Amino acid sequence: MQNLSSTAIAESETRHRFKIFTSNVILALAVFLAFCAPAGKARAQASNYYTAQEIIDAGHGFFGATSGALAGVIERTFAERGLPNGYILGEEAGGAFIGGLRYGEGRLKTKNAGDYKVYWQGPSIGWDYGLDGNRTMMLVYNLPTVDFIYNRFYGVSGSAFVVGGLGVTALARQGVTLVPIRTGIGARLGVNIGYLKITNRPRVNPF
C-alpha cells in the first residue's frame, strides 16, 4: 500500500511539474508572438513605401541631364513629408500667362498594388509663365486605395520651390498629398491656385 501511495504521489508531482512546464512554454510563446507581431506588421507596412534612394534611382533615368538636382529635391521633400506609398512618372504640357491649362499622362507605380495608366488635366490660375513641355514625377502620400487617385487635388498655398531647375509644388485632398516635381521648357511656378483632376482615361475638359 505504501508503495502504491508513493507511486501515486510521484505521478501527481510529475503531472504538476508538466503542467507548470507547459504553462511556461505557452507564456513564453505568447510573449514571443506579442513582440514579433508588431515587428512583422511594421515590416509589412514599410514594404508599402518607397525610400528616398528608390525615388532618386527612378528619377535619375527619367529626368536625364537635369537629374543632378534631383537628390536635393527628394531629400527636402522626404524631410518635410516622409515616405510616399506611390509615385507617378509622366509628361505634361500647358501654358499660362494669367491663367491657363495643363494636361498630362503617365503611370502610377505602387509597391504592392501594381502600375496604372493615369491622365491629368487642370486649370492653373496665378502668376505662371512660359509654355511647358515637362517631364513630371509626382510623389503620392497616404494613398489609401488605387481608386482614390482618380480625384481632384487642390494646390497647397506656399508649397512651391525650385532646386536646380526642378520645380516642386504640392496638391492635396482628404489627407492624400501629391508632390509634382517638374522640369522642361520653363519651370511653372508662381501663385498657383489651380487643381489637377486625375482620371483613368484622357479628357479634354479640365473642369
Protein backbone atom coordinates (compact mmCIF):
# COMPACT_ATOMS: atom_id res chain seq x y z
CA MET A 1 0.00 0.00 0.00
CA GLN A 2 2.82 2.33 0.88
CA ASN A 3 4.48 1.67 -2.47
CA LEU A 4 1.23 2.40 -4.31
CA SER A 5 0.83 5.62 -2.36
CA SER A 6 4.39 6.68 -3.14
CA THR A 7 3.86 5.92 -6.81
CA ALA A 8 0.65 7.93 -6.89
CA ILE A 9 2.36 10.88 -5.22
CA ALA A 10 5.25 10.70 -7.68
CA GLU A 11 2.88 10.59 -10.64
CA SER A 12 0.94 13.53 -9.25
CA GLU A 13 4.12 15.56 -8.83
CA THR A 14 5.18 14.66 -12.35
CA ARG A 15 1.85 15.81 -13.77
CA HIS A 16 2.07 19.00 -11.74
CA ARG A 17 5.59 19.76 -12.99
CA PHE A 18 4.48 19.02 -16.57
CA LYS A 19 1.56 21.44 -16.23
CA ILE A 20 3.88 24.13 -14.93
CA PHE A 21 6.34 23.47 -17.76
CA THR A 22 3.55 23.59 -20.35
CA SER A 23 2.18 26.82 -18.90
CA ASN A 24 5.64 28.40 -19.01
CA VAL A 25 6.14 27.33 -22.62
CA ILE A 26 2.75 28.78 -23.62
CA LEU A 27 3.51 32.02 -21.77
CA ALA A 28 6.93 32.32 -23.42
CA LEU A 29 5.40 31.66 -26.84
CA ALA A 30 2.71 34.28 -26.25
CA VAL A 31 5.32 36.87 -25.25
CA PHE A 32 7.41 36.00 -28.30
CA LEU A 33 4.44 36.37 -30.64
CA ALA A 34 3.43 39.64 -28.98
CA PHE A 35 6.84 41.10 -29.79
CA CYS A 36 7.05 39.59 -33.26
CA ALA A 37 3.60 40.66 -34.46
CA PRO A 38 4.22 44.44 -34.34
CA ALA A 39 7.63 43.94 -35.94
CA GLY A 40 6.09 41.87 -38.71
CA LYS A 41 3.34 44.42 -39.21
CA ALA A 42 5.88 47.24 -39.28
CA ARG A 43 7.92 45.41 -41.92
CA ALA A 44 4.79 44.83 -43.99
CA GLN A 45 3.82 48.48 -43.71
CA ALA A 46 7.36 49.61 -44.53
CA SER A 47 7.32 47.44 -47.66
CA ASN A 48 4.42 49.54 -48.99
CA TYR A 49 6.52 52.72 -49.01
CA TYR A 50 9.34 53.99 -51.20
CA THR A 51 12.68 55.07 -49.78
CA ALA A 52 14.44 58.23 -50.90
CA GLN A 53 17.04 56.16 -52.75
CA GLU A 54 14.37 54.25 -54.67
CA ILE A 55 12.78 57.52 -55.80
CA ILE A 56 16.16 59.02 -56.71
CA ASP A 57 17.04 55.94 -58.75
CA ALA A 58 13.69 56.08 -60.56
CA GLY A 59 14.07 59.79 -61.24
CA HIS A 60 17.66 59.77 -62.48
CA GLY A 61 16.89 57.83 -65.64
CA PHE A 62 13.63 59.70 -66.12
CA PHE A 63 14.87 63.28 -65.83
CA GLY A 64 18.19 62.67 -67.58
CA ALA A 65 20.51 65.67 -67.78
CA THR A 66 18.70 67.62 -65.06
CA SER A 67 18.89 64.78 -62.54
CA GLY A 68 21.82 66.33 -60.67
CA ALA A 69 19.43 68.42 -58.57
CA LEU A 70 17.00 65.56 -58.01
CA ALA A 71 18.68 64.24 -54.86
CA GLY A 72 18.37 67.64 -53.20
CA VAL A 73 14.69 67.92 -54.14
CA ILE A 74 13.92 64.41 -52.89
CA GLU A 75 15.81 64.88 -49.63
CA ARG A 76 13.96 68.13 -48.89
CA THR A 77 10.58 66.62 -49.77
CA PHE A 78 11.21 63.49 -47.68
CA ALA A 79 12.35 65.62 -44.74
CA GLU A 80 9.09 67.60 -44.91
CA ARG A 81 6.61 64.83 -45.77
CA GLY A 82 8.12 61.41 -45.09
CA LEU A 83 7.89 58.30 -47.28
CA PRO A 84 5.44 58.14 -50.22
CA ASN A 85 3.48 54.98 -50.96
CA GLY A 86 3.33 55.64 -54.68
CA TYR A 87 4.66 57.82 -57.46
CA ILE A 88 3.72 58.86 -60.99
CA LEU A 89 6.10 59.25 -63.94
CA GLY A 90 4.77 61.09 -66.97
CA GLU A 91 4.78 64.14 -69.19
CA GLU A 92 2.58 67.20 -69.34
CA ALA A 93 2.12 70.28 -71.49
CA GLY A 94 0.42 73.58 -70.87
CA GLY A 95 0.84 77.29 -70.90
CA ALA A 96 -0.31 80.30 -68.94
CA PHE A 97 0.23 83.98 -68.50
CA ILE A 98 -2.52 84.93 -66.08
CA GLY A 99 -4.47 81.71 -66.33
CA GLY A 100 -4.01 78.51 -68.27
CA LEU A 101 -4.42 74.78 -68.62
CA ARG A 102 -2.22 71.75 -68.21
CA TYR A 103 -2.64 68.21 -69.46
CA GLY A 104 -0.54 65.15 -68.77
CA GLU A 105 -0.34 61.40 -68.79
CA GLY A 106 1.83 58.84 -67.07
CA ARG A 107 1.85 55.74 -64.89
CA LEU A 108 1.08 55.42 -61.21
CA LYS A 109 3.51 52.98 -59.60
CA THR A 110 2.90 51.28 -56.25
CA LYS A 111 4.82 48.66 -54.31
CA ASN A 112 2.06 46.08 -53.82
CA ALA A 113 -0.94 47.20 -55.89
CA GLY A 114 0.57 47.29 -59.38
CA ASP A 115 1.06 50.01 -62.01
CA TYR A 116 -1.77 52.02 -63.57
CA LYS A 117 -2.11 54.39 -66.51
CA VAL A 118 -3.30 57.83 -65.39
CA TYR A 119 -4.17 61.12 -67.06
CA TRP A 120 -4.48 64.56 -65.54
CA GLN A 121 -5.96 67.90 -66.51
CA GLY A 122 -6.49 71.13 -64.70
CA PRO A 123 -6.76 74.90 -64.76
CA SER A 124 -3.95 76.94 -63.36
CA ILE A 125 -4.78 80.45 -62.16
CA GLY A 126 -1.94 82.63 -60.97
CA TRP A 127 1.29 84.33 -61.92
CA ASP A 128 2.54 81.48 -64.07
CA TYR A 129 4.62 81.95 -67.16
CA GLY A 130 6.02 80.12 -70.14
CA LEU A 131 4.96 77.26 -72.34
CA ASP A 132 5.75 73.93 -70.73
CA GLY A 133 6.70 70.57 -72.12
CA ASN A 134 7.58 68.98 -68.84
CA ARG A 135 8.64 65.61 -67.63
CA THR A 136 6.84 65.17 -64.35
CA MET A 137 7.29 62.94 -61.33
CA MET A 138 4.57 63.07 -58.68
CA LEU A 139 5.20 61.62 -55.25
CA VAL A 140 1.99 60.24 -53.75
CA TYR A 141 1.48 60.31 -49.97
CA ASN A 142 -1.07 58.41 -47.88
CA LEU A 143 -2.92 56.89 -50.83
CA PRO A 144 -5.48 54.52 -49.21
CA THR A 145 -6.53 52.72 -52.42
CA VAL A 146 -5.64 52.99 -56.10
CA ASP A 147 -9.16 54.22 -56.89
CA PHE A 148 -8.65 57.29 -54.70
CA ILE A 149 -6.08 58.66 -57.14
CA TYR A 150 -8.93 59.38 -59.58
CA ASN A 151 -9.92 62.65 -57.92
CA ARG A 152 -9.33 66.38 -57.92
CA PHE A 153 -6.34 67.55 -55.91
CA TYR A 154 -6.10 71.20 -54.94
CA GLY A 155 -2.99 73.36 -54.78
CA VAL A 156 -1.40 73.90 -51.38
CA SER A 157 -0.53 77.54 -50.77
CA GLY A 158 3.14 78.26 -50.13
CA SER A 159 4.32 74.80 -51.15
CA ALA A 160 6.26 75.75 -54.31
CA PHE A 161 10.04 75.85 -54.53
CA VAL A 162 12.82 75.41 -57.12
CA VAL A 163 16.07 73.45 -56.82
CA GLY A 164 18.45 73.37 -59.78
CA GLY A 165 15.80 73.85 -62.43
CA LEU A 166 13.32 71.42 -60.90
CA GLY A 167 10.03 72.98 -59.84
CA VAL A 168 8.15 71.45 -56.90
CA THR A 169 4.58 72.09 -55.76
CA ALA A 170 2.01 70.20 -53.69
CA LEU A 171 -1.67 69.35 -54.08
CA ALA A 172 -3.91 67.66 -51.53
CA ARG A 173 -7.29 66.05 -50.97
CA GLN A 174 -8.63 64.47 -47.77
CA GLY A 175 -5.21 63.75 -46.32
CA VAL A 176 -3.72 62.45 -49.58
CA THR A 177 -0.94 64.64 -50.99
CA LEU A 178 0.61 64.79 -54.46
CA VAL A 179 4.01 66.43 -54.85
CA PRO A 180 4.70 67.10 -58.56
CA ILE A 181 8.37 67.56 -59.48
CA ARG A 182 8.65 69.15 -62.93
CA THR A 183 11.29 70.08 -65.44
CA GLY A 184 11.00 71.27 -69.01
CA ILE A 185 10.73 74.44 -71.06
CA GLY A 186 10.37 76.82 -68.15
CA ALA A 187 9.61 75.85 -64.58
CA ARG A 188 5.95 76.54 -63.92
CA LEU A 189 5.94 78.26 -60.58
CA GLY A 190 4.12 81.19 -59.08
CA VAL A 191 0.98 81.92 -57.15
CA ASN A 192 -0.68 78.80 -58.49
CA ILE A 193 -4.12 78.15 -57.03
CA GLY A 194 -5.36 75.65 -59.57
CA TYR A 195 -6.00 71.95 -59.22
CA LEU A 196 -5.30 68.71 -61.04
CA LYS A 197 -8.02 66.24 -61.91
CA ILE A 198 -6.61 62.74 -62.32
CA THR A 199 -8.59 60.28 -64.44
CA ASN A 200 -8.22 56.79 -65.87
CA ARG A 201 -8.73 58.00 -69.45
CA PRO A 202 -7.81 61.18 -71.36
CA ARG A 203 -10.21 64.10 -71.23
CA VAL A 204 -10.20 67.48 -72.93
CA ASN A 205 -12.34 69.36 -70.40
CA PRO A 206 -10.24 70.12 -67.31
CA PHE A 207 -13.21 71.29 -65.23
